[in-house]
Amino acid sequence: MTTPRSRRERPAKPALTRAGIVAVAVGVVRAEGLHRVTMRRLAQELDTGAASLYVYVRNTAELHAAVLDELLGEVVLTTEGTWDERVAAVLGSYAEVLFRYPGLAQSALVARPSGRHYLDLTETLLALLAEGEVPDGQAAWGVDLLLQRVTATAAEHVVAQSEEDWAALGSAVRAVSPETHPRLAALGDDLTSGDPGERMAWSVRVLLSGIAATPTHPQTNLQEKP
């Protein structure tokens, strides 16, 4: 007796996994941008129903956080120079990753990644701050402040700050009257000077100085007023 031939024209689909879903999402980001990463789109790529994905990823926000963590693997953590120069270099590499993938910076403002690449980035920054003798408590809060600043700067420039925007701002500032806006007129060129990289590097130096000098719980004056 001849065994009936299967009518199935394609091999069985591989089993769904969280890692597999994130890998497909990262592929979509690299090719088309984060805005194209939706549960519906991933379901199409994986040849399954969108409801099946929620077994492994609770929602789109969690998916974006996982994608962000995966892409953080591209941040260069090993650099040369003084400790503060290396902090600036690591954060600069982080910024480059955000610029590289449209929409990633905006997502990073609210995403809370907790994967190994985020932990590696945080560990590297904490070690560098310790090398610079920044007190532990200030370093712990400072890492969050540094990452927020770089993320917000990247998001700002991706969304709104085109060359035309800067030119329009510069024209408006130069047109003000010294009589009504004396300080603005005096500092107009400085307000719009420097490229994004220079301004970001300066902001990192400012933050490092402040983090090192500012206790997280400053002593308050408890003396009674006379």
Protein backbone atom coordinates (compact mmCIF):
# COMPACT_ATOMS: atom_id res chain seq x y z
CA MET A 1 0.00 0.00 0.00
CA THR A 2 1.37 3.39 -1.03
CA THR A 3 1.66 6.05 1.68
CA PRO A 4 -0.36 9.16 0.76
CA ARG A 5 1.74 12.20 -0.08
CA SER A 6 1.38 15.29 2.08
CA ARG A 7 -0.41 18.19 0.47
CA ARG A 8 1.54 20.68 2.56
CA GLU A 9 3.62 22.84 0.22
CA ARG A 10 5.88 24.41 2.80
CA PRO A 11 7.79 23.19 5.86
CA ALA A 12 6.37 23.57 9.33
CA LYS A 13 6.80 27.01 10.85
CA PRO A 14 9.46 27.31 13.55
CA ALA A 15 8.13 27.70 17.05
CA LEU A 16 7.60 31.24 18.26
CA THR A 17 10.04 32.56 20.87
CA ARG A 18 10.59 35.97 22.41
CA ALA A 19 14.12 36.08 20.99
CA GLY A 20 12.82 35.24 17.53
CA ILE A 21 10.15 37.95 17.68
CA VAL A 22 12.68 40.56 18.78
CA ALA A 23 15.11 39.49 16.05
CA VAL A 24 12.44 39.98 13.39
CA ALA A 25 11.54 43.37 14.90
CA VAL A 26 15.18 44.46 14.78
CA GLY A 27 15.33 43.45 11.13
CA VAL A 28 12.32 45.64 10.37
CA VAL A 29 13.92 48.55 12.24
CA ARG A 30 17.15 48.24 10.27
CA ALA A 31 15.30 48.14 6.96
CA GLU A 32 12.37 50.50 7.49
CA GLY A 33 12.53 52.24 10.87
CA LEU A 34 10.97 51.72 14.28
CA HIS A 35 7.61 53.20 13.23
CA ARG A 36 7.00 50.09 11.11
CA VAL A 37 7.38 47.75 14.08
CA THR A 38 3.84 46.80 15.07
CA MET A 39 2.35 43.57 16.30
CA ARG A 40 0.38 43.25 13.09
CA ARG A 41 3.48 43.70 10.93
CA LEU A 42 5.49 41.19 12.96
CA ALA A 43 2.64 38.69 12.78
CA GLN A 44 2.78 38.95 9.00
CA GLU A 45 6.54 38.45 8.98
CA LEU A 46 6.23 35.43 11.27
CA ASP A 47 3.19 34.02 9.48
CA THR A 48 1.06 33.91 12.59
CA GLY A 49 -1.72 35.83 14.29
CA ALA A 50 -1.02 39.01 16.24
CA ALA A 51 -2.66 37.50 19.33
CA SER A 52 0.02 34.79 19.40
CA LEU A 53 2.74 37.39 19.92
CA TYR A 54 1.26 38.66 23.16
CA VAL A 55 2.16 35.39 24.82
CA TYR A 56 5.81 36.47 24.55
CA VAL A 57 5.60 40.30 24.51
CA ARG A 58 2.96 42.10 26.58
CA ASN A 59 2.59 45.17 24.36
CA THR A 60 4.28 47.37 21.78
CA ALA A 61 6.08 49.39 24.46
CA GLU A 62 7.74 46.25 25.82
CA LEU A 63 8.65 45.20 22.29
CA HIS A 64 10.26 48.58 21.56
CA ALA A 65 12.23 48.36 24.81
CA ALA A 66 13.52 44.94 23.78
CA VAL A 67 14.45 46.26 20.33
CA LEU A 68 16.25 49.23 21.91
CA ASP A 69 18.24 46.91 24.15
CA GLU A 70 19.25 44.77 21.19
CA LEU A 71 20.44 47.82 19.23
CA LEU A 72 22.38 49.06 22.25
CA GLY A 73 24.73 46.21 21.48
CA GLU A 74 26.16 48.50 18.78
CA VAL A 75 27.35 51.08 21.35
CA VAL A 76 31.15 51.11 21.61
CA LEU A 77 32.00 50.67 25.29
CA THR A 78 35.79 50.43 25.09
CA THR A 79 37.52 53.76 24.40
CA GLU A 80 40.75 55.59 25.20
CA GLY A 81 41.52 58.80 27.06
CA THR A 82 40.86 60.19 30.51
CA TRP A 83 37.83 58.89 32.40
CA ASP A 84 35.68 61.89 31.44
CA GLU A 85 36.76 61.69 27.81
CA ARG A 86 35.75 58.04 27.79
CA VAL A 87 32.35 58.88 29.31
CA ALA A 88 31.83 61.41 26.51
CA ALA A 89 32.95 58.86 23.89
CA VAL A 90 30.59 56.15 25.16
CA LEU A 91 27.68 58.58 25.25
CA GLY A 92 28.64 59.82 21.78
CA SER A 93 28.49 56.25 20.49
CA TYR A 94 25.10 55.85 22.18
CA ALA A 95 23.90 59.00 20.42
CA GLU A 96 25.13 57.66 17.06
CA VAL A 97 23.01 54.55 17.52
CA LEU A 98 19.96 56.70 18.22
CA PHE A 99 20.61 58.82 15.13
CA ARG A 100 21.17 55.71 13.01
CA TYR A 101 17.67 54.33 13.45
CA PRO A 102 14.74 56.73 12.87
CA GLY A 103 12.32 56.80 15.76
CA LEU A 104 14.63 55.06 18.21
CA ALA A 105 15.47 58.21 20.19
CA GLN A 106 11.82 59.08 20.74
CA SER A 107 11.10 55.54 21.90
CA ALA A 108 14.14 55.59 24.19
CA LEU A 109 12.69 58.58 26.05
CA VAL A 110 9.95 56.38 27.51
CA ALA A 111 11.26 52.83 27.03
CA ARG A 112 12.70 50.99 30.01
CA PRO A 113 15.12 48.40 28.64
CA SER A 114 16.46 45.86 31.10
CA GLY A 115 18.42 43.50 28.87
CA ARG A 116 22.11 42.71 28.91
CA HIS A 117 23.18 45.50 26.54
CA TYR A 118 21.53 48.18 28.66
CA LEU A 119 23.09 46.66 31.76
CA ASP A 120 26.51 46.60 30.04
CA LEU A 121 26.15 50.29 29.09
CA THR A 122 25.14 51.25 32.63
CA GLU A 123 27.94 49.19 34.19
CA THR A 124 30.50 50.85 31.90
CA LEU A 125 29.33 54.36 32.79
CA LEU A 126 29.25 53.58 36.52
CA ALA A 127 32.78 52.17 36.37
CA LEU A 128 34.02 55.30 34.60
CA LEU A 129 32.37 57.57 37.16
CA ALA A 130 33.96 55.52 39.94
CA GLU A 131 37.32 55.96 38.22
CA GLY A 132 36.69 59.71 38.34
CA GLU A 133 36.04 59.41 42.09
CA VAL A 134 32.40 60.45 41.79
CA PRO A 135 30.59 59.35 44.98
CA ASP A 136 28.46 56.25 44.51
CA GLY A 137 25.08 57.85 45.14
CA GLN A 138 25.79 60.71 42.76
CA ALA A 139 27.08 58.28 40.14
CA ALA A 140 23.91 56.16 40.41
CA TRP A 141 21.64 59.13 39.80
CA GLY A 142 24.09 60.70 37.38
CA VAL A 143 23.99 57.83 34.89
CA ASP A 144 20.26 58.31 34.48
CA LEU A 145 20.74 62.05 33.97
CA LEU A 146 23.48 61.55 31.37
CA LEU A 147 21.46 59.04 29.35
CA GLN A 148 18.36 61.23 29.52
CA ARG A 149 20.26 64.24 28.23
CA VAL A 150 21.77 62.41 25.27
CA THR A 151 18.46 60.71 24.43
CA ALA A 152 16.50 63.97 24.57
CA THR A 153 19.08 65.77 22.43
CA ALA A 154 18.96 63.03 19.79
CA ALA A 155 15.16 63.02 19.78
CA GLU A 156 15.05 66.81 19.46
CA HIS A 157 17.35 66.93 16.46
CA VAL A 158 15.73 64.00 14.67
CA VAL A 159 12.22 65.44 14.98
CA ALA A 160 12.52 69.16 14.62
CA GLN A 161 15.95 70.61 14.14
CA SER A 162 16.66 70.72 10.43
CA GLU A 163 19.17 73.15 8.90
CA GLU A 164 16.24 75.31 7.81
CA ASP A 165 14.95 75.45 11.40
CA TRP A 166 18.33 76.59 12.69
CA ALA A 167 18.61 79.19 9.91
CA ALA A 168 15.16 80.56 10.73
CA LEU A 169 16.01 80.77 14.43
CA GLY A 170 19.28 82.52 13.66
CA SER A 171 17.52 85.07 11.46
CA ALA A 172 14.90 85.76 14.14
CA VAL A 173 17.54 86.26 16.83
CA ARG A 174 19.65 88.59 14.67
CA ALA A 175 16.59 90.68 13.88
CA VAL A 176 15.73 91.55 17.49
CA SER A 177 16.19 95.11 18.71
CA PRO A 178 19.02 95.75 21.18
CA GLU A 179 16.67 98.16 22.93
CA THR A 180 13.97 95.59 23.71
CA HIS A 181 16.14 92.45 23.92
CA PRO A 182 19.68 93.62 24.77
CA ARG A 183 21.06 90.28 26.00
CA LEU A 184 19.49 88.33 23.16
CA ALA A 185 20.97 90.75 20.64
CA ALA A 186 24.41 90.54 22.28
CA LEU A 187 24.46 86.74 22.42
CA GLY A 188 22.55 85.93 19.24
CA ASP A 189 25.49 84.35 17.39
CA ASP A 190 26.45 82.27 20.43
CA LEU A 191 22.90 80.99 20.86
CA THR A 192 22.98 79.22 17.51
CA SER A 193 26.71 78.40 17.33
CA GLY A 194 28.24 74.94 17.38
CA ASP A 195 27.15 71.75 15.68
CA PRO A 196 25.05 69.13 17.50
CA GLY A 197 28.11 67.06 18.37
CA GLU A 198 29.92 70.01 19.94
CA ARG A 199 26.89 71.09 21.93
CA MET A 200 26.26 67.56 23.17
CA ALA A 201 29.90 67.09 24.22
CA TRP A 202 29.75 70.38 26.13
CA SER A 203 26.53 69.39 27.88
CA VAL A 204 28.13 66.11 28.98
CA ARG A 205 31.08 68.00 30.50
CA VAL A 206 28.68 70.32 32.32
CA LEU A 207 26.69 67.39 33.68
CA LEU A 208 29.80 65.53 34.80
CA SER A 209 31.00 68.58 36.72
CA GLY A 210 27.60 68.98 38.36
CA ILE A 211 27.19 65.27 39.16
CA ALA A 212 30.61 65.17 40.84
CA ALA A 213 29.92 68.29 42.89
CA THR A 214 26.26 67.84 43.86
CA PRO A 215 25.25 65.44 46.67
CA THR A 216 22.02 63.56 46.12
CA HIS A 217 20.83 64.50 49.60
CA PRO A 218 22.25 67.92 50.48
CA GLN A 219 22.36 68.88 54.11
CA THR A 220 19.64 71.34 55.05
CA ASN A 221 20.03 74.13 57.56
CA LEU A 222 17.92 73.06 60.53
CA GLN A 223 18.80 76.04 62.72
CA GLU A 224 15.84 78.02 63.90
CA LYS A 225 15.47 81.49 62.54
CA PRO A 226 16.05 84.24 65.10
